[in-house]
């Protein structure tokens, strides 16, 4: 999934996908929401009406320090 994000998005996710010696060993989670997702409540109505309700949202959370506290590192939103 991380490789697909790297290929399809222009914003970097960091070196989370590189494992092994010299690579990133932090735990991470990828959350994907896909389907009929409405616009956020604070969205501009003129923009929200032109969007298809069928969307795919991807979120990457990383445990930066190994304490089980995951922070958002990347999202498509």
C-alpha atoms as a PDB file:
ATOM      1  CA  UNK A   1       0.000   0.000   0.000  1.00  0.00           C
ATOM      2  CA  UNK A   2       2.808   2.444   0.806  1.00  0.00           C
ATOM      3  CA  UNK A   3       4.378   1.873  -2.610  1.00  0.00           C
ATOM      4  CA  UNK A   4       1.030   2.704  -4.254  1.00  0.00           C
ATOM      5  CA  UNK A   5       0.865   5.928  -2.233  1.00  0.00           C
ATOM      6  CA  UNK A   6       4.396   6.887  -3.293  1.00  0.00           C
ATOM      7  CA  UNK A   7       3.584   6.289  -6.974  1.00  0.00           C
ATOM      8  CA  UNK A   8       0.195   7.985  -7.040  1.00  0.00           C
ATOM      9  CA  UNK A   9       0.791  11.004  -4.783  1.00  0.00           C
ATOM     10  CA  UNK A  10       3.169  13.937  -5.115  1.00  0.00           C
ATOM     11  CA  UNK A  11       3.571  14.480  -1.341  1.00  0.00           C
ATOM     12  CA  UNK A  12       6.301  12.373   0.330  1.00  0.00           C
ATOM     13  CA  UNK A  13       5.464   9.852   3.061  1.00  0.00           C
ATOM     14  CA  UNK A  14       9.067   9.580   4.259  1.00  0.00           C
ATOM     15  CA  UNK A  15      11.133   6.423   4.466  1.00  0.00           C
ATOM     16  CA  UNK A  16       8.556   4.357   6.356  1.00  0.00           C
ATOM     17  CA  UNK A  17       8.605   1.566   3.765  1.00  0.00           C
ATOM     18  CA  UNK A  18      12.392   0.960   3.997  1.00  0.00           C
ATOM     19  CA  UNK A  19      12.989  -1.868   6.480  1.00  0.00           C
ATOM     20  CA  UNK A  20      16.156  -3.571   7.682  1.00  0.00           C
ATOM     21  CA  UNK A  21      19.564  -2.128   8.495  1.00  0.00           C
ATOM     22  CA  UNK A  22      19.544   1.618   8.036  1.00  0.00           C
ATOM     23  CA  UNK A  23      15.834   1.624   7.301  1.00  0.00           C
ATOM     24  CA  UNK A  24      12.848   2.794   9.251  1.00  0.00           C
ATOM     25  CA  UNK A  25      11.729   0.365  11.955  1.00  0.00           C
ATOM     26  CA  UNK A  26       8.900   2.423  13.428  1.00  0.00           C
ATOM     27  CA  UNK A  27       5.477   0.757  13.492  1.00  0.00           C
ATOM     28  CA  UNK A  28       2.848   2.271  11.215  1.00  0.00           C
ATOM     29  CA  UNK A  29      -0.778   1.827  10.204  1.00  0.00           C
ATOM     30  CA  UNK A  30      -2.519   2.652   6.938  1.00  0.00           C
ATOM     31  CA  UNK A  31      -6.235   3.395   7.112  1.00  0.00           C
ATOM     32  CA  UNK A  32      -8.304   3.410   3.917  1.00  0.00           C
ATOM     33  CA  UNK A  33     -11.878   4.656   3.668  1.00  0.00           C
ATOM     34  CA  UNK A  34     -13.510   4.030   0.315  1.00  0.00           C
ATOM     35  CA  UNK A  35     -17.017   4.553  -0.942  1.00  0.00           C
ATOM     36  CA  UNK A  36     -19.729   7.155  -0.598  1.00  0.00           C
ATOM     37  CA  UNK A  37     -18.002   9.612   1.714  1.00  0.00           C
ATOM     38  CA  UNK A  38     -19.649  12.969   2.160  1.00  0.00           C
ATOM     39  CA  UNK A  39     -17.781  16.254   2.173  1.00  0.00           C
ATOM     40  CA  UNK A  40     -16.552  17.495   5.560  1.00  0.00           C
ATOM     41  CA  UNK A  41     -18.900  19.871   7.405  1.00  0.00           C
ATOM     42  CA  UNK A  42     -16.556  22.831   6.894  1.00  0.00           C
ATOM     43  CA  UNK A  43     -16.129  22.244   3.137  1.00  0.00           C
ATOM     44  CA  UNK A  44     -16.848  25.024   0.677  1.00  0.00           C
ATOM     45  CA  UNK A  45     -20.302  24.209  -0.785  1.00  0.00           C
ATOM     46  CA  UNK A  46     -19.301  25.360  -4.271  1.00  0.00           C
ATOM     47  CA  UNK A  47     -16.425  22.863  -4.314  1.00  0.00           C
ATOM     48  CA  UNK A  48     -18.210  20.052  -2.477  1.00  0.00           C
ATOM     49  CA  UNK A  49     -21.045  19.873  -5.023  1.00  0.00           C
ATOM     50  CA  UNK A  50     -18.622  19.203  -7.886  1.00  0.00           C
ATOM     51  CA  UNK A  51     -16.988  16.240  -6.141  1.00  0.00           C
ATOM     52  CA  UNK A  52     -18.173  12.731  -6.706  1.00  0.00           C
ATOM     53  CA  UNK A  53     -19.514  11.158  -3.507  1.00  0.00           C
ATOM     54  CA  UNK A  54     -17.491   8.048  -4.378  1.00  0.00           C
ATOM     55  CA  UNK A  55     -14.090   8.760  -2.853  1.00  0.00           C
ATOM     56  CA  UNK A  56     -11.016   7.056  -1.438  1.00  0.00           C
ATOM     57  CA  UNK A  57      -9.293   8.498   1.628  1.00  0.00           C
ATOM     58  CA  UNK A  58      -5.896   7.187   2.768  1.00  0.00           C
ATOM     59  CA  UNK A  59      -4.250   7.980   6.110  1.00  0.00           C
ATOM     60  CA  UNK A  60      -0.767   6.932   7.265  1.00  0.00           C
ATOM     61  CA  UNK A  61      -0.107   6.920  11.018  1.00  0.00           C
ATOM     62  CA  UNK A  62       3.389   6.377  12.459  1.00  0.00           C
ATOM     63  CA  UNK A  63       4.439   5.540  16.029  1.00  0.00           C
ATOM     64  CA  UNK A  64       7.371   7.965  16.081  1.00  0.00           C
ATOM     65  CA  UNK A  65       8.865   6.899  19.442  1.00  0.00           C
ATOM     66  CA  UNK A  66       7.635   3.335  19.972  1.00  0.00           C
ATOM     67  CA  UNK A  67       5.231   4.218  22.819  1.00  0.00           C
ATOM     68  CA  UNK A  68       2.031   3.267  21.003  1.00  0.00           C
ATOM     69  CA  UNK A  69       1.148   6.888  20.235  1.00  0.00           C
ATOM     70  CA  UNK A  70       0.449   7.021  16.500  1.00  0.00           C
ATOM     71  CA  UNK A  71       0.479  10.403  14.777  1.00  0.00           C
ATOM     72  CA  UNK A  72      -0.839  11.267  11.340  1.00  0.00           C
ATOM     73  CA  UNK A  73       2.103  11.451   8.942  1.00  0.00           C
ATOM     74  CA  UNK A  74       0.265  11.570   5.598  1.00  0.00           C
ATOM     75  CA  UNK A  75      -3.270  11.804   4.243  1.00  0.00           C
ATOM     76  CA  UNK A  76      -4.950  12.310   0.907  1.00  0.00           C
ATOM     77  CA  UNK A  77      -7.273  14.871   2.472  1.00  0.00           C
END
